[in-house]
């Protein structure tokens, strides 16, 4: 993986971010959404500012709400700037409850009072809301951005970059990988074993998360951006998984579905819980995304930025309708299962194993994409073009 020590980032500017990502902004009405378990309690009179637990929500207040009120809206020709809270989902990309609250504590409806009254919706939350807001923007016609897990590192790097440049680089990598037949990923474990996962892509057009929501077309930018991704058509093989408690397992994939996890080290109970979940609702193990980072950024310890780092790759399980896939929430046994969960492979996140090689098959040719968490010469040449 490349290191960003020599890269200089400009100071974060909400004006620059908004004008670049959402050009044009003139005449647009904007609002900010944040999340809490008790949204009415904490949004009323901005009570959350007195609680250090809500660092993400405070970032939204300080860097967006306050800046809007201090003149950024006038500068960009926007109006609004209000902040609303909704119920925390406790799951990545789960659909949102409709109830929301304004800063007076009044209950409102996301469908009736937010999506229909604002042109740009910014969601700065604990859990990603990209999938549900993507569906809603198509229904109601707004644009927006999701920026979950916001911290100072993200503000001063991933959100401070020029998104025209991010988009241009993402397009270069996209062109270098689009219409691939398949991808193979080799994972080398500490004991020397090599696991290989194969993902069939059926020559589909590669897609990019590039951060631009320009024009008036309904769309949601997932920020920080900088990624090329595919929706797998098929998959088989094995890949390692590091669970939140540090347990390591090997996941076996058949017909695009994770069918079981086997312990490498750590807690057998963690493996058993995962296997029970797969048995109870097999859709939770369906692979819905294969993604590759395209930016040189510092590690933020939030996957939203770290999966955008050049030299990393990630898989995701669960719903993928927001990516153009066929896995929708209704296919899961329970609502709370219909998440989209990224599995990031990066040196700081998975130091127990190495992505030793990623190979792309396309049109009878094979190209190396990643070697030992570093972009290959093939990808670097594409970026230099």
Protein backbone atom coordinates (compact mmCIF):
# COMPACT_ATOMS: atom_id res chain seq x y z
CA UNK A 1 0.00 0.00 0.00
CA UNK A 2 1.25 3.50 -0.79
CA UNK A 3 1.89 5.84 2.11
CA UNK A 4 0.55 9.42 2.12
CA UNK A 5 3.26 10.96 4.33
CA UNK A 6 4.41 13.29 1.55
CA UNK A 7 0.94 14.27 0.44
CA UNK A 8 -0.22 17.69 1.59
CA UNK A 9 -3.94 18.13 2.11
CA UNK A 10 -5.57 21.55 2.08
CA UNK A 11 -7.60 22.61 5.12
CA UNK A 12 -11.12 21.22 5.10
CA UNK A 13 -13.61 23.65 3.55
CA UNK A 14 -17.30 22.83 3.53
CA UNK A 15 -17.72 25.48 0.85
CA UNK A 16 -15.24 23.74 -1.46
CA UNK A 17 -16.73 20.32 -0.73
CA UNK A 18 -20.30 21.40 -1.42
CA UNK A 19 -19.50 23.45 -4.52
CA UNK A 20 -17.46 20.61 -6.05
CA UNK A 21 -19.63 17.63 -5.12
CA UNK A 22 -23.01 19.29 -5.76
CA UNK A 23 -22.38 21.79 -8.54
CA UNK A 24 -24.71 23.55 -9.08
CA UNK A 25 -25.76 24.53 -5.56
CA UNK A 26 -27.50 27.76 -6.49
CA UNK A 27 -31.16 27.65 -5.50
CA UNK A 28 -30.78 24.37 -3.57
CA UNK A 29 -32.29 23.84 -0.14
CA UNK A 30 -29.99 21.78 2.11
CA UNK A 31 -30.39 19.93 5.44
CA UNK A 32 -28.32 17.71 7.73
CA UNK A 33 -29.38 14.38 9.24
CA UNK A 34 -27.76 12.86 12.34
CA UNK A 35 -28.70 9.74 14.33
CA UNK A 36 -29.30 8.78 17.97
CA UNK A 37 -30.96 5.98 19.91
CA UNK A 38 -33.11 8.72 21.46
CA UNK A 39 -33.29 11.24 18.64
CA UNK A 40 -35.90 13.54 20.18
CA UNK A 41 -34.04 13.83 23.47
CA UNK A 42 -30.65 14.60 22.01
CA UNK A 43 -31.57 16.88 19.11
CA UNK A 44 -33.83 19.17 21.16
CA UNK A 45 -31.97 22.40 21.84
CA UNK A 46 -28.80 20.63 20.60
CA UNK A 47 -28.53 18.67 23.87
CA UNK A 48 -26.10 16.24 22.22
CA UNK A 49 -23.38 18.91 22.29
CA UNK A 50 -23.10 18.37 26.05
CA UNK A 51 -22.38 14.65 25.65
CA UNK A 52 -18.88 13.59 24.56
CA UNK A 53 -20.28 10.25 23.34
CA UNK A 54 -21.62 11.92 20.19
CA UNK A 55 -18.37 12.91 18.48
CA UNK A 56 -19.64 12.17 14.95
CA UNK A 57 -22.75 14.28 15.47
CA UNK A 58 -20.66 17.09 16.91
CA UNK A 59 -18.51 17.06 13.77
CA UNK A 60 -21.69 17.51 11.73
CA UNK A 61 -22.71 20.46 13.89
CA UNK A 62 -19.33 22.20 13.91
CA UNK A 63 -18.24 21.61 10.32
CA UNK A 64 -21.55 21.78 8.46
CA UNK A 65 -24.41 23.26 10.49
CA UNK A 66 -22.37 26.12 11.98
CA UNK A 67 -20.51 26.83 8.74
CA UNK A 68 -23.80 26.99 6.85
CA UNK A 69 -25.19 29.50 9.36
CA UNK A 70 -21.99 31.56 9.20
CA UNK A 71 -22.37 32.39 5.52
CA UNK A 72 -21.57 29.33 3.42
CA UNK A 73 -25.20 28.99 2.31
CA UNK A 74 -25.29 32.57 1.08
CA UNK A 75 -21.93 32.10 -0.64
CA UNK A 76 -23.21 29.07 -2.54
CA UNK A 77 -26.70 30.39 -3.18
CA UNK A 78 -28.34 27.77 -0.96
CA UNK A 79 -31.07 28.00 1.65
CA UNK A 80 -32.18 25.93 4.63
CA UNK A 81 -29.31 24.47 6.64
CA UNK A 82 -31.59 22.86 9.24
CA UNK A 83 -30.52 19.83 11.27
CA UNK A 84 -32.74 16.82 12.02
CA UNK A 85 -32.25 13.57 13.91
CA UNK A 86 -33.49 10.05 13.20
CA UNK A 87 -33.35 6.71 14.99
CA UNK A 88 -29.96 4.97 14.88
CA UNK A 89 -30.22 1.77 12.83
CA UNK A 90 -27.41 -0.20 14.54
CA UNK A 91 -26.63 -1.82 11.20
CA UNK A 92 -24.85 -0.82 8.02
CA UNK A 93 -27.28 0.39 5.33
CA UNK A 94 -30.45 -0.73 7.09
CA UNK A 95 -33.61 1.13 6.08
CA UNK A 96 -34.40 4.15 8.26
CA UNK A 97 -37.49 4.57 10.40
CA UNK A 98 -39.64 7.38 9.04
CA UNK A 99 -39.86 9.37 12.26
CA UNK A 100 -37.39 12.22 12.69
CA UNK A 101 -37.13 15.31 14.91
CA UNK A 102 -36.18 18.94 14.55
CA UNK A 103 -34.09 20.96 17.00
CA UNK A 104 -37.24 21.96 18.90
CA UNK A 105 -38.01 18.32 19.55
CA UNK A 106 -40.99 18.26 17.16
CA UNK A 107 -41.62 14.93 15.45
CA UNK A 108 -41.60 14.98 11.65
CA UNK A 109 -41.60 12.46 8.79
CA UNK A 110 -38.54 11.81 6.64
CA UNK A 111 -40.77 11.04 3.65
CA UNK A 112 -43.21 13.91 4.04
CA UNK A 113 -41.10 16.65 5.63
CA UNK A 114 -37.48 16.04 4.57
CA UNK A 115 -37.14 14.20 1.28
CA UNK A 116 -39.88 16.27 -0.35
CA UNK A 117 -38.65 19.66 0.93
CA UNK A 118 -34.87 19.54 0.44
CA UNK A 119 -32.76 19.38 -2.70
CA UNK A 120 -29.58 18.23 -0.90
CA UNK A 121 -29.61 15.91 2.13
CA UNK A 122 -26.37 15.40 4.07
CA UNK A 123 -26.31 12.41 6.42
CA UNK A 124 -23.54 12.40 9.04
CA UNK A 125 -24.26 9.33 11.11
CA UNK A 126 -22.98 6.45 13.21
CA UNK A 127 -23.97 3.80 10.65
CA UNK A 128 -23.96 4.12 6.88
CA UNK A 129 -27.28 5.14 5.30
CA UNK A 130 -26.12 5.04 1.67
CA UNK A 131 -28.43 2.21 0.55
CA UNK A 132 -31.70 3.56 2.01
CA UNK A 133 -30.99 7.13 0.92
CA UNK A 134 -30.10 5.95 -2.58
CA UNK A 135 -33.54 4.34 -2.82
CA UNK A 136 -35.25 7.42 -1.38
CA UNK A 137 -33.45 9.90 -3.65
CA UNK A 138 -34.72 8.05 -6.70
CA UNK A 139 -38.25 8.14 -5.28
CA UNK A 140 -38.26 11.80 -4.23
CA UNK A 141 -35.69 13.41 -6.52
CA UNK A 142 -33.09 14.85 -4.14
CA UNK A 143 -29.30 14.63 -4.13
CA UNK A 144 -27.17 13.96 -1.09
CA UNK A 145 -24.10 12.58 0.61
CA UNK A 146 -23.54 10.04 3.38
CA UNK A 147 -20.54 10.59 5.66
CA UNK A 148 -20.83 8.14 8.53
CA UNK A 149 -18.08 7.75 11.12
CA UNK A 150 -16.71 11.24 10.52
CA UNK A 151 -13.56 12.09 12.51
CA UNK A 152 -10.74 14.63 12.34
CA UNK A 153 -8.55 12.47 10.08
CA UNK A 154 -11.36 12.10 7.55
CA UNK A 155 -12.19 15.81 7.68
CA UNK A 156 -8.56 16.79 7.11
CA UNK A 157 -7.82 14.30 4.33
CA UNK A 158 -10.64 12.35 2.67
CA UNK A 159 -13.08 15.28 2.77
CA UNK A 160 -10.45 17.94 2.04
CA UNK A 161 -9.38 16.62 -1.37
CA UNK A 162 -10.44 17.94 -4.77
CA UNK A 163 -13.22 15.60 -5.88
CA UNK A 164 -12.69 16.45 -9.52
CA UNK A 165 -9.26 14.82 -9.16
CA UNK A 166 -10.71 11.89 -7.18
CA UNK A 167 -13.28 11.32 -9.89
CA UNK A 168 -10.66 11.46 -12.66
CA UNK A 169 -8.43 8.89 -10.92
CA UNK A 170 -11.36 6.59 -10.18
CA UNK A 171 -12.31 6.72 -13.85
CA UNK A 172 -8.78 5.74 -14.90
CA UNK A 173 -8.85 2.68 -12.65
CA UNK A 174 -12.41 1.89 -13.72
CA UNK A 175 -11.38 1.83 -17.38
CA UNK A 176 -8.42 -0.40 -16.53
CA UNK A 177 -10.75 -2.97 -14.91
CA UNK A 178 -14.12 -2.66 -16.61
CA UNK A 179 -15.61 -5.67 -18.40
CA UNK A 180 -13.42 -8.10 -16.46
CA UNK A 181 -14.38 -11.74 -16.73
CA UNK A 182 -13.25 -12.58 -13.21
CA UNK A 183 -11.00 -11.66 -10.31
CA UNK A 184 -8.87 -13.99 -8.17
CA UNK A 185 -7.56 -12.91 -4.77
CA UNK A 186 -4.74 -14.77 -2.99
CA UNK A 187 -4.55 -14.40 0.80
CA UNK A 188 -1.35 -15.60 2.50
CA UNK A 189 -1.79 -16.51 6.16
CA UNK A 190 0.87 -16.34 8.87
CA UNK A 191 1.31 -20.12 8.73
CA UNK A 192 2.11 -19.92 5.02
CA UNK A 193 -1.20 -21.20 3.73
CA UNK A 194 -2.62 -19.47 0.68
CA UNK A 195 -6.39 -19.10 0.35
CA UNK A 196 -7.88 -18.10 -3.00
CA UNK A 197 -11.24 -16.52 -3.68
CA UNK A 198 -12.58 -16.41 -7.24
CA UNK A 199 -15.26 -13.91 -8.22
CA UNK A 200 -17.10 -14.10 -11.53
CA UNK A 201 -17.98 -10.71 -13.03
CA UNK A 202 -19.39 -11.67 -16.47
CA UNK A 203 -17.75 -8.74 -18.27
CA UNK A 204 -19.97 -6.22 -16.46
CA UNK A 205 -19.20 -2.52 -16.59
CA UNK A 206 -17.12 -1.56 -13.56
CA UNK A 207 -18.70 1.17 -11.45
CA UNK A 208 -17.04 3.93 -9.46
CA UNK A 209 -17.70 5.77 -6.23
CA UNK A 210 -16.14 9.09 -7.19
CA UNK A 211 -17.87 11.67 -5.02
CA UNK A 212 -19.53 13.88 -7.64
CA UNK A 213 -23.28 14.52 -7.59
CA UNK A 214 -23.30 17.31 -10.14
CA UNK A 215 -26.23 18.36 -12.26
CA UNK A 216 -29.76 17.83 -11.01
CA UNK A 217 -29.97 14.04 -11.32
CA UNK A 218 -30.99 12.32 -8.06
CA UNK A 219 -27.95 10.59 -6.58
CA UNK A 220 -26.13 9.93 -3.31
CA UNK A 221 -22.37 10.34 -2.90
CA UNK A 222 -20.69 8.13 -0.32
CA UNK A 223 -17.92 10.30 1.14
CA UNK A 224 -14.97 9.96 1.34
CA UNK A 225 -15.11 8.50 -2.17
CA UNK A 226 -12.53 6.90 -4.45
CA UNK A 227 -13.39 3.33 -5.34
CA UNK A 228 -14.02 1.01 -8.26
CA UNK A 229 -16.49 -1.77 -7.61
CA UNK A 230 -18.36 -4.71 -9.09
CA UNK A 231 -21.42 -6.73 -8.12
CA UNK A 232 -20.24 -10.38 -8.25
CA UNK A 233 -22.30 -12.72 -10.42
CA UNK A 234 -20.68 -15.80 -8.93
CA UNK A 235 -17.98 -16.66 -6.39
CA UNK A 236 -16.24 -19.65 -4.88
CA UNK A 237 -13.17 -20.47 -2.83
CA UNK A 238 -11.98 -19.30 0.56
CA UNK A 239 -10.95 -16.08 2.22
CA UNK A 240 -9.93 -15.15 5.76
CA UNK A 241 -12.07 -13.08 8.11
CA UNK A 242 -10.98 -11.12 11.15
CA UNK A 243 -13.93 -10.66 13.49
CA UNK A 244 -14.44 -7.65 15.75
CA UNK A 245 -13.14 -9.51 18.80
CA UNK A 246 -9.92 -10.48 16.96
CA UNK A 247 -10.97 -14.04 16.18
CA UNK A 248 -9.68 -15.28 12.81
CA UNK A 249 -11.65 -17.63 10.61
CA UNK A 250 -11.67 -19.05 7.10
CA UNK A 251 -14.87 -18.44 5.16
CA UNK A 252 -15.86 -21.01 2.54
CA UNK A 253 -17.76 -19.66 -0.48
CA UNK A 254 -19.91 -21.70 -2.86
CA UNK A 255 -22.18 -20.23 -5.56
CA UNK A 256 -21.57 -16.66 -4.32
CA UNK A 257 -22.61 -17.57 -0.77
CA UNK A 258 -20.53 -17.95 2.37
CA UNK A 259 -21.62 -21.36 3.64
CA UNK A 260 -19.44 -21.74 6.73
CA UNK A 261 -16.68 -20.28 8.87
CA UNK A 262 -13.82 -22.35 10.31
CA UNK A 263 -11.64 -21.25 13.23
CA UNK A 264 -8.00 -20.28 12.71
CA UNK A 265 -7.45 -18.75 16.14
CA UNK A 266 -9.48 -17.01 18.78
CA UNK A 267 -12.94 -17.88 20.08
CA UNK A 268 -14.82 -20.86 18.72
CA UNK A 269 -17.99 -19.24 20.05
CA UNK A 270 -17.53 -16.35 17.60
CA UNK A 271 -17.29 -18.81 14.71
CA UNK A 272 -20.31 -20.73 16.01
CA UNK A 273 -22.38 -17.53 16.19
CA UNK A 274 -21.51 -16.69 12.59
CA UNK A 275 -22.36 -20.18 11.40
CA UNK A 276 -25.67 -20.05 13.25
CA UNK A 277 -26.50 -16.76 11.55
CA UNK A 278 -25.65 -18.22 8.13
CA UNK A 279 -27.83 -21.25 8.81
CA UNK A 280 -30.74 -19.13 10.05
CA UNK A 281 -30.64 -16.63 7.17
CA UNK A 282 -28.35 -17.70 4.29
CA UNK A 283 -28.81 -14.33 2.53
CA UNK A 284 -26.54 -12.77 5.16
CA UNK A 285 -23.64 -14.64 3.56
CA UNK A 286 -24.30 -13.63 -0.05
CA UNK A 287 -21.46 -11.63 -1.59
CA UNK A 288 -22.84 -8.36 -2.92
CA UNK A 289 -19.74 -6.31 -3.74
CA UNK A 290 -16.08 -6.43 -4.71
CA UNK A 291 -14.32 -3.08 -4.36
CA UNK A 292 -10.88 -1.54 -4.89
CA UNK A 293 -9.60 1.74 -3.43
CA UNK A 294 -8.24 4.43 -5.75
CA UNK A 295 -6.93 7.18 -3.43
CA UNK A 296 -3.73 7.80 -1.46
CA UNK A 297 -5.07 8.63 2.01
CA UNK A 298 -4.00 8.18 5.63
CA UNK A 299 -5.54 5.44 7.73
CA UNK A 300 -8.54 6.87 9.57
CA UNK A 301 -9.59 3.68 11.40
CA UNK A 302 -13.00 4.08 9.81
CA UNK A 303 -13.74 1.73 6.91
CA UNK A 304 -15.60 4.46 5.05
CA UNK A 305 -12.22 6.08 4.29
CA UNK A 306 -9.84 3.17 4.65
CA UNK A 307 -11.55 1.08 1.95
CA UNK A 308 -10.86 3.93 -0.50
CA UNK A 309 -7.07 3.62 -0.07
CA UNK A 310 -5.15 2.53 -3.15
CA UNK A 311 -3.77 -0.98 -2.65
CA UNK A 312 -6.68 -2.23 -0.55
CA UNK A 313 -9.66 -4.28 -1.59
CA UNK A 314 -12.87 -5.29 0.10
CA UNK A 315 -15.77 -7.66 -0.19
CA UNK A 316 -19.24 -7.02 1.16
CA UNK A 317 -22.10 -9.28 2.15
CA UNK A 318 -25.80 -8.51 2.07
CA UNK A 319 -27.96 -6.03 0.20
CA UNK A 320 -26.51 -4.53 -2.94
CA UNK A 321 -29.53 -2.88 -4.57
CA UNK A 322 -27.89 0.54 -4.10
CA UNK A 323 -25.00 -0.73 -6.25
CA UNK A 324 -27.23 -1.98 -9.04
CA UNK A 325 -27.38 -5.52 -7.66
CA UNK A 326 -30.28 -7.91 -7.12
CA UNK A 327 -30.15 -8.37 -3.32
CA UNK A 328 -32.97 -6.35 -1.74
CA UNK A 329 -34.08 -6.08 1.92
CA UNK A 330 -37.20 -8.17 1.34
CA UNK A 331 -35.03 -11.23 0.63
CA UNK A 332 -33.80 -11.44 4.23
CA UNK A 333 -35.53 -13.33 7.01
CA UNK A 334 -35.56 -10.29 9.30
CA UNK A 335 -35.25 -6.55 8.69
CA UNK A 336 -32.20 -6.28 10.92
CA UNK A 337 -30.40 -8.84 8.75
CA UNK A 338 -30.67 -6.75 5.57
CA UNK A 339 -27.38 -4.94 6.06
CA UNK A 340 -24.55 -4.28 3.62
CA UNK A 341 -21.39 -5.19 5.52
CA UNK A 342 -17.94 -4.44 4.16
CA UNK A 343 -15.03 -6.80 4.83
CA UNK A 344 -11.91 -4.68 4.36
CA UNK A 345 -8.49 -6.17 3.62
CA UNK A 346 -5.81 -3.64 4.59
CA UNK A 347 -2.51 -3.86 6.51
CA UNK A 348 -3.77 -2.00 9.58
CA UNK A 349 -7.09 -3.87 9.62
CA UNK A 350 -5.94 -7.40 8.83
CA UNK A 351 -2.25 -7.66 9.83
CA UNK A 352 -2.61 -11.43 10.32
CA UNK A 353 -2.73 -12.07 6.60
CA UNK A 354 -1.53 -10.54 3.37
CA UNK A 355 -3.34 -9.89 0.11
CA UNK A 356 -0.38 -11.31 -1.77
CA UNK A 357 -1.88 -11.02 -5.24
CA UNK A 358 -5.07 -9.96 -7.00
CA UNK A 359 -5.40 -11.07 -10.62
CA UNK A 360 -7.89 -9.93 -13.25
CA UNK A 361 -8.91 -12.05 -16.23
CA UNK A 362 -10.28 -10.00 -19.11
CA UNK A 363 -10.62 -10.91 -22.76
CA UNK A 364 -8.17 -13.79 -22.57
CA UNK A 365 -5.51 -11.72 -20.77
CA UNK A 366 -4.43 -11.73 -17.14
CA UNK A 367 -3.37 -8.57 -15.33
CA UNK A 368 -2.11 -8.25 -11.78
CA UNK A 369 -4.04 -5.57 -9.86
CA UNK A 370 -2.54 -5.72 -6.35
CA UNK A 371 0.68 -7.23 -4.99
CA UNK A 372 1.25 -7.33 -1.23
CA UNK A 373 -1.21 -4.50 -0.53
CA UNK A 374 0.36 -2.30 -3.20
CA UNK A 375 -1.14 -1.34 -6.55
CA UNK A 376 0.47 -3.17 -9.46
CA UNK A 377 2.44 -1.51 -12.22
CA UNK A 378 -0.59 -2.09 -14.45
CA UNK A 379 -2.76 0.07 -12.15
CA UNK A 380 -0.04 2.68 -11.65
CA UNK A 381 0.37 3.01 -15.41
CA UNK A 382 -3.38 3.53 -15.72
CA UNK A 383 -3.23 6.31 -13.12
CA UNK A 384 -0.31 7.97 -14.92
CA UNK A 385 -2.15 8.00 -18.24
